[in-house]
PDB file of all heavy atoms in Angstrom:
ATOM      1  N   GLU A   1      -8.611   4.379  16.170  1.00  0.00           N
ATOM      2  CA  GLU A   1      -8.997   2.970  16.129  1.00  0.00           C
ATOM      3  C   GLU A   1      -8.393   2.242  14.910  1.00  0.00           C
ATOM      4  O   GLU A   1      -7.942   1.025  14.954  1.00  0.00           O
ATOM      5  CB  GLU A   1     -10.513   2.889  16.064  1.00  0.00           C
ATOM      6  CG  GLU A   1     -11.089   1.439  16.275  1.00  0.00           C
ATOM      7  CD  GLU A   1     -12.664   1.407  16.249  1.00  0.00           C
ATOM      8  OE1 GLU A   1     -13.185   2.463  16.712  1.00  0.00           O
ATOM      9  OE2 GLU A   1     -13.151   0.502  15.806  1.00  0.00           O
ATOM     10  N   ILE A   2      -8.209   3.051  13.844  1.00  0.00           N
ATOM     11  CA  ILE A   2      -7.537   2.296  12.526  1.00  0.00           C
ATOM     12  C   ILE A   2      -6.109   2.274  12.712  1.00  0.00           C
ATOM     13  O   ILE A   2      -5.514   1.232  12.467  1.00  0.00           O
ATOM     14  CB  ILE A   2      -8.012   3.244  11.519  1.00  0.00           C
ATOM     15  CG1 ILE A   2      -9.414   2.859  10.983  1.00  0.00           C
ATOM     16  CG2 ILE A   2      -7.126   2.934  10.247  1.00  0.00           C
ATOM     17  CD1 ILE A   2     -10.005   3.672   9.834  1.00  0.00           C
ATOM     18  N   VAL A   3      -5.406   3.395  13.146  1.00  0.00           N
ATOM     19  CA  VAL A   3      -3.952   3.310  13.224  1.00  0.00           C
ATOM     20  C   VAL A   3      -3.399   2.452  14.256  1.00  0.00           C
ATOM     21  O   VAL A   3      -2.246   2.063  14.149  1.00  0.00           O
ATOM     22  CB  VAL A   3      -3.413   4.869  13.360  1.00  0.00           C
ATOM     23  CG1 VAL A   3      -3.818   5.626  12.120  1.00  0.00           C
ATOM     24  CG2 VAL A   3      -3.840   5.382  14.590  1.00  0.00           C
ATOM     25  N   ASN A   4      -4.343   2.171  15.250  1.00  0.00           N
ATOM     26  CA  ASN A   4      -3.780   1.168  16.270  1.00  0.00           C
ATOM     27  C   ASN A   4      -4.250  -0.113  16.065  1.00  0.00           C
ATOM     28  O   ASN A   4      -4.024  -1.122  16.970  1.00  0.00           O
ATOM     29  CB  ASN A   4      -4.292   1.711  17.647  1.00  0.00           C
ATOM     30  CG  ASN A   4      -3.598   3.012  18.154  1.00  0.00           C
ATOM     31  OD1 ASN A   4      -2.355   3.041  18.281  1.00  0.00           O
ATOM     32  ND2 ASN A   4      -4.301   4.123  18.424  1.00  0.00           N
ATOM     33  N   ASN A   5      -4.848  -0.413  14.910  1.00  0.00           N
ATOM     34  CA  ASN A   5      -5.214  -1.816  14.439  1.00  0.00           C
ATOM     35  C   ASN A   5      -4.064  -2.519  13.891  1.00  0.00           C
ATOM     36  O   ASN A   5      -3.655  -2.256  12.788  1.00  0.00           O
ATOM     37  CB  ASN A   5      -6.401  -1.729  13.642  1.00  0.00           C
ATOM     38  CG  ASN A   5      -7.163  -3.185  13.307  1.00  0.00           C
ATOM     39  OD1 ASN A   5      -6.367  -4.185  13.452  1.00  0.00           O
ATOM     40  ND2 ASN A   5      -8.172  -3.115  12.804  1.00  0.00           N
ATOM     41  N   PRO A   6      -3.459  -3.533  14.476  1.00  0.00           N
ATOM     42  CA  PRO A   6      -2.291  -4.324  13.916  1.00  0.00           C
ATOM     43  C   PRO A   6      -2.698  -5.082  12.756  1.00  0.00           C
ATOM     44  O   PRO A   6      -1.758  -5.256  11.930  1.00  0.00           O
ATOM     45  CB  PRO A   6      -1.885  -5.242  15.062  1.00  0.00           C
ATOM     46  CG  PRO A   6      -3.219  -5.471  15.906  1.00  0.00           C
ATOM     47  CD  PRO A   6      -3.805  -4.155  15.844  1.00  0.00           C
ATOM     48  N   ALA A   7      -3.958  -5.315  12.419  1.00  0.00           N
ATOM     49  CA  ALA A   7      -4.412  -5.988  11.184  1.00  0.00           C
ATOM     50  C   ALA A   7      -4.289  -5.095  10.030  1.00  0.00           C
ATOM     51  O   ALA A   7      -4.182  -5.607   8.846  1.00  0.00           O
ATOM     52  CB  ALA A   7      -5.634  -6.600  11.281  1.00  0.00           C
ATOM     53  N   VAL A   8      -4.271  -3.819  10.154  1.00  0.00           N
ATOM     54  CA  VAL A   8      -4.329  -2.816   9.033  1.00  0.00           C
ATOM     55  C   VAL A   8      -2.767  -2.462   8.735  1.00  0.00           C
ATOM     56  O   VAL A   8      -2.192  -1.903   9.519  1.00  0.00           O
ATOM     57  CB  VAL A   8      -5.159  -1.517   9.496  1.00  0.00           C
ATOM     58  CG1 VAL A   8      -4.865  -0.454   8.436  1.00  0.00           C
ATOM     59  CG2 VAL A   8      -6.495  -1.798   9.682  1.00  0.00           C
ATOM     60  N   LYS A   9      -2.520  -2.700   7.508  1.00  0.00           N
ATOM     61  CA  LYS A   9      -1.085  -2.448   7.062  1.00  0.00           C
ATOM     62  C   LYS A   9      -1.154  -1.325   6.061  1.00  0.00           C
ATOM     63  O   LYS A   9      -0.190  -0.562   5.886  1.00  0.00           O
ATOM     64  CB  LYS A   9      -0.631  -3.713   6.281  1.00  0.00           C
ATOM     65  CG  LYS A   9      -0.460  -4.981   7.196  1.00  0.00           C
ATOM     66  CD  LYS A   9       0.461  -4.713   8.424  1.00  0.00           C
ATOM     67  CE  LYS A   9       0.391  -6.063   9.262  1.00  0.00           C
ATOM     68  NZ  LYS A   9       1.186  -5.938  10.500  1.00  0.00           N
ATOM     69  N   ILE A  10      -2.361  -1.217   5.303  1.00  0.00           N
ATOM     70  CA  ILE A  10      -2.424  -0.143   4.313  1.00  0.00           C
ATOM     71  C   ILE A  10      -3.557   0.617   4.678  1.00  0.00           C
ATOM     72  O   ILE A  10      -4.722   0.211   4.860  1.00  0.00           O
ATOM     73  CB  ILE A  10      -2.520  -0.696   2.880  1.00  0.00           C
ATOM     74  CG1 ILE A  10      -1.239  -1.642   2.493  1.00  0.00           C
ATOM     75  CG2 ILE A  10      -2.696   0.359   1.809  1.00  0.00           C
ATOM     76  CD1 ILE A  10      -1.409  -2.255   1.337  1.00  0.00           C
ATOM     77  N   VAL A  11      -3.460   2.068   4.623  1.00  0.00           N
ATOM     78  CA  VAL A  11      -4.684   2.919   4.827  1.00  0.00           C
ATOM     79  C   VAL A  11      -4.935   3.675   3.488  1.00  0.00           C
ATOM     80  O   VAL A  11      -4.077   4.207   2.891  1.00  0.00           O
ATOM     81  CB  VAL A  11      -4.401   3.963   5.987  1.00  0.00           C
ATOM     82  CG1 VAL A  11      -5.436   4.886   5.973  1.00  0.00           C
ATOM     83  CG2 VAL A  11      -4.185   3.306   7.285  1.00  0.00           C
ATOM     84  N   VAL A  12      -6.178   3.562   2.965  1.00  0.00           N
ATOM     85  CA  VAL A  12      -6.635   4.291   1.818  1.00  0.00           C
ATOM     86  C   VAL A  12      -7.394   5.458   2.188  1.00  0.00           C
ATOM     87  O   VAL A  12      -8.453   5.379   2.867  1.00  0.00           O
ATOM     88  CB  VAL A  12      -7.528   3.276   0.888  1.00  0.00           C
ATOM     89  CG1 VAL A  12      -8.058   4.008  -0.319  1.00  0.00           C
ATOM     90  CG2 VAL A  12      -6.827   2.025   0.471  1.00  0.00           C
ATOM     91  N   GLU A  13      -6.941   6.586   1.615  1.00  0.00           N
ATOM     92  CA  GLU A  13      -7.559   7.855   1.992  1.00  0.00           C
ATOM     93  C   GLU A  13      -8.332   8.383   0.700  1.00  0.00           C
ATOM     94  O   GLU A  13      -7.719   8.686  -0.325  1.00  0.00           O
ATOM     95  CB  GLU A  13      -6.521   9.010   2.486  1.00  0.00           C
ATOM     96  CG  GLU A  13      -7.133  10.256   2.804  1.00  0.00           C
ATOM     97  CD  GLU A  13      -7.347  11.336   1.589  1.00  0.00           C
ATOM     98  OE1 GLU A  13      -6.390  11.294   0.862  1.00  0.00           O
ATOM     99  OE2 GLU A  13      -8.495  11.759   1.431  1.00  0.00           O
ATOM    100  N   THR A  14      -9.619   8.606   0.829  1.00  0.00           N
ATOM    101  CA  THR A  14     -10.378   9.136  -0.283  1.00  0.00           C
ATOM    102  C   THR A  14     -11.437  10.270   0.253  1.00  0.00           C
ATOM    103  O   THR A  14     -12.454  10.391  -0.373  1.00  0.00           O
ATOM    104  CB  THR A  14     -11.215   8.053  -1.015  1.00  0.00           C
ATOM    105  OG1 THR A  14     -12.104   7.396  -0.062  1.00  0.00           O
ATOM    106  CG2 THR A  14     -10.238   6.926  -1.531  1.00  0.00           C
ATOM    107  N   ILE A  15     -10.884  10.915   1.215  1.00  0.00           N
ATOM    108  CA  ILE A  15     -11.875  11.981   1.734  1.00  0.00           C
ATOM    109  C   ILE A  15     -11.765  13.170   0.972  1.00  0.00           C
ATOM    110  O   ILE A  15     -12.726  13.831   0.673  1.00  0.00           O
ATOM    111  CB  ILE A  15     -11.361  12.384   3.275  1.00  0.00           C
ATOM    112  CG1 ILE A  15     -11.483  11.125   4.112  1.00  0.00           C
ATOM    113  CG2 ILE A  15     -12.166  13.534   3.790  1.00  0.00           C
ATOM    114  CD1 ILE A  15     -10.813  11.203   5.506  1.00  0.00           C
ATOM    115  N   GLY A  16     -10.606  13.643   0.507  1.00  0.00           N
ATOM    116  CA  GLY A  16     -10.373  14.782  -0.363  1.00  0.00           C
ATOM    117  C   GLY A  16      -9.972  16.036   0.682  1.00  0.00           C
ATOM    118  O   GLY A  16     -10.260  15.941   1.792  1.00  0.00           O
ATOM    119  N   GLY A  17      -9.500  17.034   0.051  1.00  0.00           N
ATOM    120  CA  GLY A  17      -9.109  18.235   0.690  1.00  0.00           C
ATOM    121  C   GLY A  17      -7.854  18.119   1.382  1.00  0.00           C
ATOM    122  O   GLY A  17      -7.196  17.171   1.435  1.00  0.00           O
ATOM    123  N   VAL A  18      -7.432  19.170   2.254  1.00  0.00           N
ATOM    124  CA  VAL A  18      -6.175  19.167   2.901  1.00  0.00           C
ATOM    125  C   VAL A  18      -6.328  19.459   4.369  1.00  0.00           C
ATOM    126  O   VAL A  18      -5.454  19.713   5.059  1.00  0.00           O
ATOM    127  CB  VAL A  18      -5.251  20.135   2.336  1.00  0.00           C
ATOM    128  CG1 VAL A  18      -4.819  19.927   0.868  1.00  0.00           C
ATOM    129  CG2 VAL A  18      -5.887  21.653   2.228  1.00  0.00           C
ATOM    130  N   GLY A  19      -7.544  19.237   4.926  1.00  0.00           N
ATOM    131  CA  GLY A  19      -7.832  19.357   6.372  1.00  0.00           C
ATOM    132  C   GLY A  19      -7.809  18.084   7.144  1.00  0.00           C
ATOM    133  O   GLY A  19      -6.719  17.624   7.344  1.00  0.00           O
ATOM    134  N   VAL A  20      -8.864  17.550   7.197  1.00  0.00           N
ATOM    135  CA  VAL A  20      -9.028  16.247   7.933  1.00  0.00           C
ATOM    136  C   VAL A  20      -8.264  15.237   7.265  1.00  0.00           C
ATOM    137  O   VAL A  20      -7.568  14.369   8.017  1.00  0.00           O
ATOM    138  CB  VAL A  20     -10.514  15.916   8.106  1.00  0.00           C
ATOM    139  CG1 VAL A  20     -10.579  14.369   8.674  1.00  0.00           C
ATOM    140  CG2 VAL A  20     -11.397  16.716   8.955  1.00  0.00           C
ATOM    141  N   ALA A  21      -8.269  15.240   5.916  1.00  0.00           N
ATOM    142  CA  ALA A  21      -7.558  14.183   5.136  1.00  0.00           C
ATOM    143  C   ALA A  21      -6.001  14.236   5.477  1.00  0.00           C
ATOM    144  O   ALA A  21      -5.364  13.153   5.651  1.00  0.00           O
ATOM    145  CB  ALA A  21      -7.752  14.370   3.778  1.00  0.00           C
ATOM    146  N   LYS A  22      -5.436  15.371   5.607  1.00  0.00           N
ATOM    147  CA  LYS A  22      -4.002  15.450   5.850  1.00  0.00           C
ATOM    148  C   LYS A  22      -3.771  14.971   7.321  1.00  0.00           C
ATOM    149  O   LYS A  22      -2.714  14.156   7.462  1.00  0.00           O
ATOM    150  CB  LYS A  22      -3.581  17.023   5.694  1.00  0.00           C
ATOM    151  CG  LYS A  22      -1.987  17.102   5.996  1.00  0.00           C
ATOM    152  CD  LYS A  22      -1.727  18.645   5.994  1.00  0.00           C
ATOM    153  CE  LYS A  22      -0.187  18.811   6.323  1.00  0.00           C
ATOM    154  NZ  LYS A  22       0.159  20.260   6.388  1.00  0.00           N
ATOM    155  N   ALA A  23      -4.609  15.434   8.137  1.00  0.00           N
ATOM    156  CA  ALA A  23      -4.317  14.952   9.553  1.00  0.00           C
ATOM    157  C   ALA A  23      -4.382  13.309   9.756  1.00  0.00           C
ATOM    158  O   ALA A  23      -3.490  12.687  10.394  1.00  0.00           O
ATOM    159  CB  ALA A  23      -5.351  15.550  10.448  1.00  0.00           C
ATOM    160  N   PHE A  24      -5.432  12.860   8.976  1.00  0.00           N
ATOM    161  CA  PHE A  24      -5.520  11.360   9.079  1.00  0.00           C
ATOM    162  C   PHE A  24      -4.293  10.729   8.391  1.00  0.00           C
ATOM    163  O   PHE A  24      -3.857   9.502   8.883  1.00  0.00           O
ATOM    164  CB  PHE A  24      -6.866  10.959   8.438  1.00  0.00           C
ATOM    165  CG  PHE A  24      -8.003  11.266   9.281  1.00  0.00           C
ATOM    166  CD1 PHE A  24      -7.947  11.902  10.489  1.00  0.00           C
ATOM    167  CD2 PHE A  24      -9.361  10.811   8.876  1.00  0.00           C
ATOM    168  CE1 PHE A  24      -9.107  12.158  11.285  1.00  0.00           C
ATOM    169  CE2 PHE A  24     -10.511  10.987   9.598  1.00  0.00           C
ATOM    170  CZ  PHE A  24     -10.408  11.703  10.868  1.00  0.00           C
ATOM    171  N   VAL A  25      -3.934  11.143   7.287  1.00  0.00           N
ATOM    172  CA  VAL A  25      -2.742  10.539   6.546  1.00  0.00           C
ATOM    173  C   VAL A  25      -1.548  10.553   7.398  1.00  0.00           C
ATOM    174  O   VAL A  25      -0.774   9.600   7.500  1.00  0.00           O
ATOM    175  CB  VAL A  25      -2.591  11.230   5.170  1.00  0.00           C
ATOM    176  CG1 VAL A  25      -1.239  10.881   4.515  1.00  0.00           C
ATOM    177  CG2 VAL A  25      -3.843  10.870   4.196  1.00  0.00           C
ATOM    178  N   ILE A  26      -1.279  11.753   8.062  1.00  0.00           N
ATOM    179  CA  ILE A  26      -0.105  11.897   8.848  1.00  0.00           C
ATOM    180  C   ILE A  26      -0.124  10.953  10.042  1.00  0.00           C
ATOM    181  O   ILE A  26       0.896  10.205  10.424  1.00  0.00           O
ATOM    182  CB  ILE A  26       0.049  13.314   9.494  1.00  0.00           C
ATOM    183  CG1 ILE A  26       0.466  14.304   8.347  1.00  0.00           C
ATOM    184  CG2 ILE A  26       1.026  13.406  10.506  1.00  0.00           C
ATOM    185  CD1 ILE A  26       0.463  15.734   8.727  1.00  0.00           C
ATOM    186  N   ALA A  27      -1.234  10.799  10.634  1.00  0.00           N
ATOM    187  CA  ALA A  27      -1.531   9.779  11.796  1.00  0.00           C
ATOM    188  C   ALA A  27      -1.122   8.356  11.306  1.00  0.00           C
ATOM    189  O   ALA A  27      -0.478   7.721  12.008  1.00  0.00           O
ATOM    190  CB  ALA A  27      -2.879   9.776  12.248  1.00  0.00           C
ATOM    191  N   ALA A  28      -1.627   8.011  10.108  1.00  0.00           N
ATOM    192  CA  ALA A  28      -1.430   6.629   9.583  1.00  0.00           C
ATOM    193  C   ALA A  28       0.060   6.389   9.345  1.00  0.00           C
ATOM    194  O   ALA A  28       0.613   5.520   9.692  1.00  0.00           O
ATOM    195  CB  ALA A  28      -2.229   6.439   8.228  1.00  0.00           C
ATOM    196  N   LEU A  29       0.713   7.375   8.658  1.00  0.00           N
ATOM    197  CA  LEU A  29       2.232   7.148   8.457  1.00  0.00           C
ATOM    198  C   LEU A  29       2.995   7.098   9.719  1.00  0.00           C
ATOM    199  O   LEU A  29       3.944   6.445   9.712  1.00  0.00           O
ATOM    200  CB  LEU A  29       2.582   8.483   7.554  1.00  0.00           C
ATOM    201  CG  LEU A  29       2.092   8.569   6.072  1.00  0.00           C
ATOM    202  CD1 LEU A  29       2.353   9.749   5.443  1.00  0.00           C
ATOM    203  CD2 LEU A  29       2.521   7.360   5.270  1.00  0.00           C
ATOM    204  N   GLU A  30       2.625   7.866  10.529  1.00  0.00           N
ATOM    205  CA  GLU A  30       3.326   7.987  11.876  1.00  0.00           C
ATOM    206  C   GLU A  30       3.417   6.742  12.641  1.00  0.00           C
ATOM    207  O   GLU A  30       4.081   6.460  13.541  1.00  0.00           O
ATOM    208  CB  GLU A  30       2.989   9.123  12.775  1.00  0.00           C
ATOM    209  CG  GLU A  30       3.358  10.501  12.256  1.00  0.00           C
ATOM    210  CD  GLU A  30       2.989  11.751  13.134  1.00  0.00           C
ATOM    211  OE1 GLU A  30       1.942  11.614  13.847  1.00  0.00           O
ATOM    212  OE2 GLU A  30       3.549  12.800  13.011  1.00  0.00           O
ATOM    213  N   HIS A  31       2.211   5.921  12.398  1.00  0.00           N
ATOM    214  CA  HIS A  31       2.146   4.602  12.931  1.00  0.00           C
ATOM    215  C   HIS A  31       2.561   3.453  11.955  1.00  0.00           C
ATOM    216  O   HIS A  31       2.333   2.388  12.286  1.00  0.00           O
ATOM    217  CB  HIS A  31       0.538   4.325  13.307  1.00  0.00           C
ATOM    218  CG  HIS A  31       0.095   5.107  14.568  1.00  0.00           C
ATOM    219  ND1 HIS A  31      -0.152   6.480  14.567  1.00  0.00           N
ATOM    220  CD2 HIS A  31      -0.135   4.633  15.734  1.00  0.00           C
ATOM    221  CE1 HIS A  31      -0.548   6.746  15.901  1.00  0.00           C
ATOM    222  NE2 HIS A  31      -0.356   5.739  16.622  1.00  0.00           N
ATOM    223  N   GLY A  32       3.398   3.953  10.989  1.00  0.00           N
ATOM    224  CA  GLY A  32       3.975   2.962  10.228  1.00  0.00           C
ATOM    225  C   GLY A  32       3.105   2.259   9.088  1.00  0.00           C
ATOM    226  O   GLY A  32       3.442   1.248   8.582  1.00  0.00           O
ATOM    227  N   LYS A  33       1.861   2.846   8.751  1.00  0.00           N
ATOM    228  CA  LYS A  33       0.908   2.334   7.815  1.00  0.00           C
ATOM    229  C   LYS A  33       1.289   2.931   6.372  1.00  0.00           C
ATOM    230  O   LYS A  33       1.443   4.159   6.370  1.00  0.00           O
ATOM    231  CB  LYS A  33      -0.497   2.609   8.257  1.00  0.00           C
ATOM    232  CG  LYS A  33      -0.927   2.331   9.680  1.00  0.00           C
ATOM    233  CD  LYS A  33      -0.990   0.984   9.978  1.00  0.00           C
ATOM    234  CE  LYS A  33      -1.538   0.723  11.345  1.00  0.00           C
ATOM    235  NZ  LYS A  33      -1.510  -0.627  11.791  1.00  0.00           N
ATOM    236  N   THR A  34       1.396   2.113   5.522  1.00  0.00           N
ATOM    237  CA  THR A  34       1.412   2.561   4.063  1.00  0.00           C
ATOM    238  C   THR A  34       0.150   3.380   3.630  1.00  0.00           C
ATOM    239  O   THR A  34      -0.889   2.836   4.055  1.00  0.00           O
ATOM    240  CB  THR A  34       1.766   1.483   3.184  1.00  0.00           C
ATOM    241  OG1 THR A  34       3.206   1.091   3.266  1.00  0.00           O
ATOM    242  CG2 THR A  34       1.574   1.822   1.817  1.00  0.00           C
ATOM    243  N   VAL A  35       0.316   4.362   3.079  1.00  0.00           N
ATOM    244  CA  VAL A  35      -0.919   5.267   2.658  1.00  0.00           C
ATOM    245  C   VAL A  35      -1.070   5.223   1.155  1.00  0.00           C
ATOM    246  O   VAL A  35      -0.106   5.413   0.402  1.00  0.00           O
ATOM    247  CB  VAL A  35      -0.847   6.604   3.236  1.00  0.00           C
ATOM    248  CG1 VAL A  35      -1.903   7.442   2.476  1.00  0.00           C
ATOM    249  CG2 VAL A  35      -0.893   6.623   4.620  1.00  0.00           C
ATOM    250  N   VAL A  36      -2.292   4.994   0.701  1.00  0.00           N
ATOM    251  CA  VAL A  36      -2.614   4.993  -0.681  1.00  0.00           C
ATOM    252  C   VAL A  36      -3.754   6.144  -0.620  1.00  0.00           C
ATOM    253  O   VAL A  36      -4.726   6.118  -0.088  1.00  0.00           O
ATOM    254  CB  VAL A  36      -3.284   3.699  -1.268  1.00  0.00           C
ATOM    255  CG1 VAL A  36      -3.884   3.997  -2.709  1.00  0.00           C
ATOM    256  CG2 VAL A  36      -2.150   2.629  -1.341  1.00  0.00           C
ATOM    257  N   THR A  37      -3.602   7.177  -1.646  1.00  0.00           N
ATOM    258  CA  THR A  37      -4.576   8.311  -1.609  1.00  0.00           C
ATOM    259  C   THR A  37      -4.891   8.627  -3.187  1.00  0.00           C
ATOM    260  O   THR A  37      -3.992   8.570  -4.001  1.00  0.00           O
ATOM    261  CB  THR A  37      -4.014   9.566  -0.897  1.00  0.00           C
ATOM    262  OG1 THR A  37      -4.942  10.605  -1.006  1.00  0.00           O
ATOM    263  CG2 THR A  37      -2.615   9.974  -1.449  1.00  0.00           C
ATOM    264  N   SER A  38      -6.105   9.173  -3.263  1.00  0.00           N
ATOM    265  CA  SER A  38      -6.566   9.762  -4.495  1.00  0.00           C
ATOM    266  C   SER A  38      -6.604  11.207  -4.599  1.00  0.00           C
ATOM    267  O   SER A  38      -7.043  11.832  -5.402  1.00  0.00           O
ATOM    268  CB  SER A  38      -7.975   9.236  -4.786  1.00  0.00           C
ATOM    269  OG  SER A  38      -8.948   9.518  -3.833  1.00  0.00           O
ATOM    270  N   ASN A  39      -6.001  11.830  -3.470  1.00  0.00           N
ATOM    271  CA  ASN A  39      -6.177  13.206  -3.258  1.00  0.00           C
ATOM    272  C   ASN A  39      -5.118  14.136  -3.920  1.00  0.00           C
ATOM    273  O   ASN A  39      -4.067  14.219  -3.442  1.00  0.00           O
ATOM    274  CB  ASN A  39      -6.069  13.322  -1.627  1.00  0.00           C
ATOM    275  CG  ASN A  39      -6.507  14.681  -1.194  1.00  0.00           C
ATOM    276  OD1 ASN A  39      -6.495  15.786  -1.819  1.00  0.00           O
ATOM    277  ND2 ASN A  39      -6.956  14.860   0.065  1.00  0.00           N
ATOM    278  N   LYS A  40      -5.433  14.616  -5.094  1.00  0.00           N
ATOM    279  CA  LYS A  40      -4.462  15.433  -5.703  1.00  0.00           C
ATOM    280  C   LYS A  40      -4.062  16.659  -5.140  1.00  0.00           C
ATOM    281  O   LYS A  40      -2.828  17.114  -5.168  1.00  0.00           O
ATOM    282  CB  LYS A  40      -4.928  15.662  -7.240  1.00  0.00           C
ATOM    283  CG  LYS A  40      -6.069  16.563  -7.495  1.00  0.00           C
ATOM    284  CD  LYS A  40      -7.305  15.814  -7.717  1.00  0.00           C
ATOM    285  CE  LYS A  40      -8.600  16.614  -7.796  1.00  0.00           C
ATOM    286  NZ  LYS A  40      -9.738  15.783  -7.955  1.00  0.00           N
TER     287      LYS A  40
END
């Protein structure tokens, strides 16, 4: 729903970890969304 929303240009990820967070970040990037993350 988020990555297909044309109004969303930037996706902020603050979930943490490398499971769901990684999958969501990849989905956002593949849809051309810039990603901002706090996930070290």
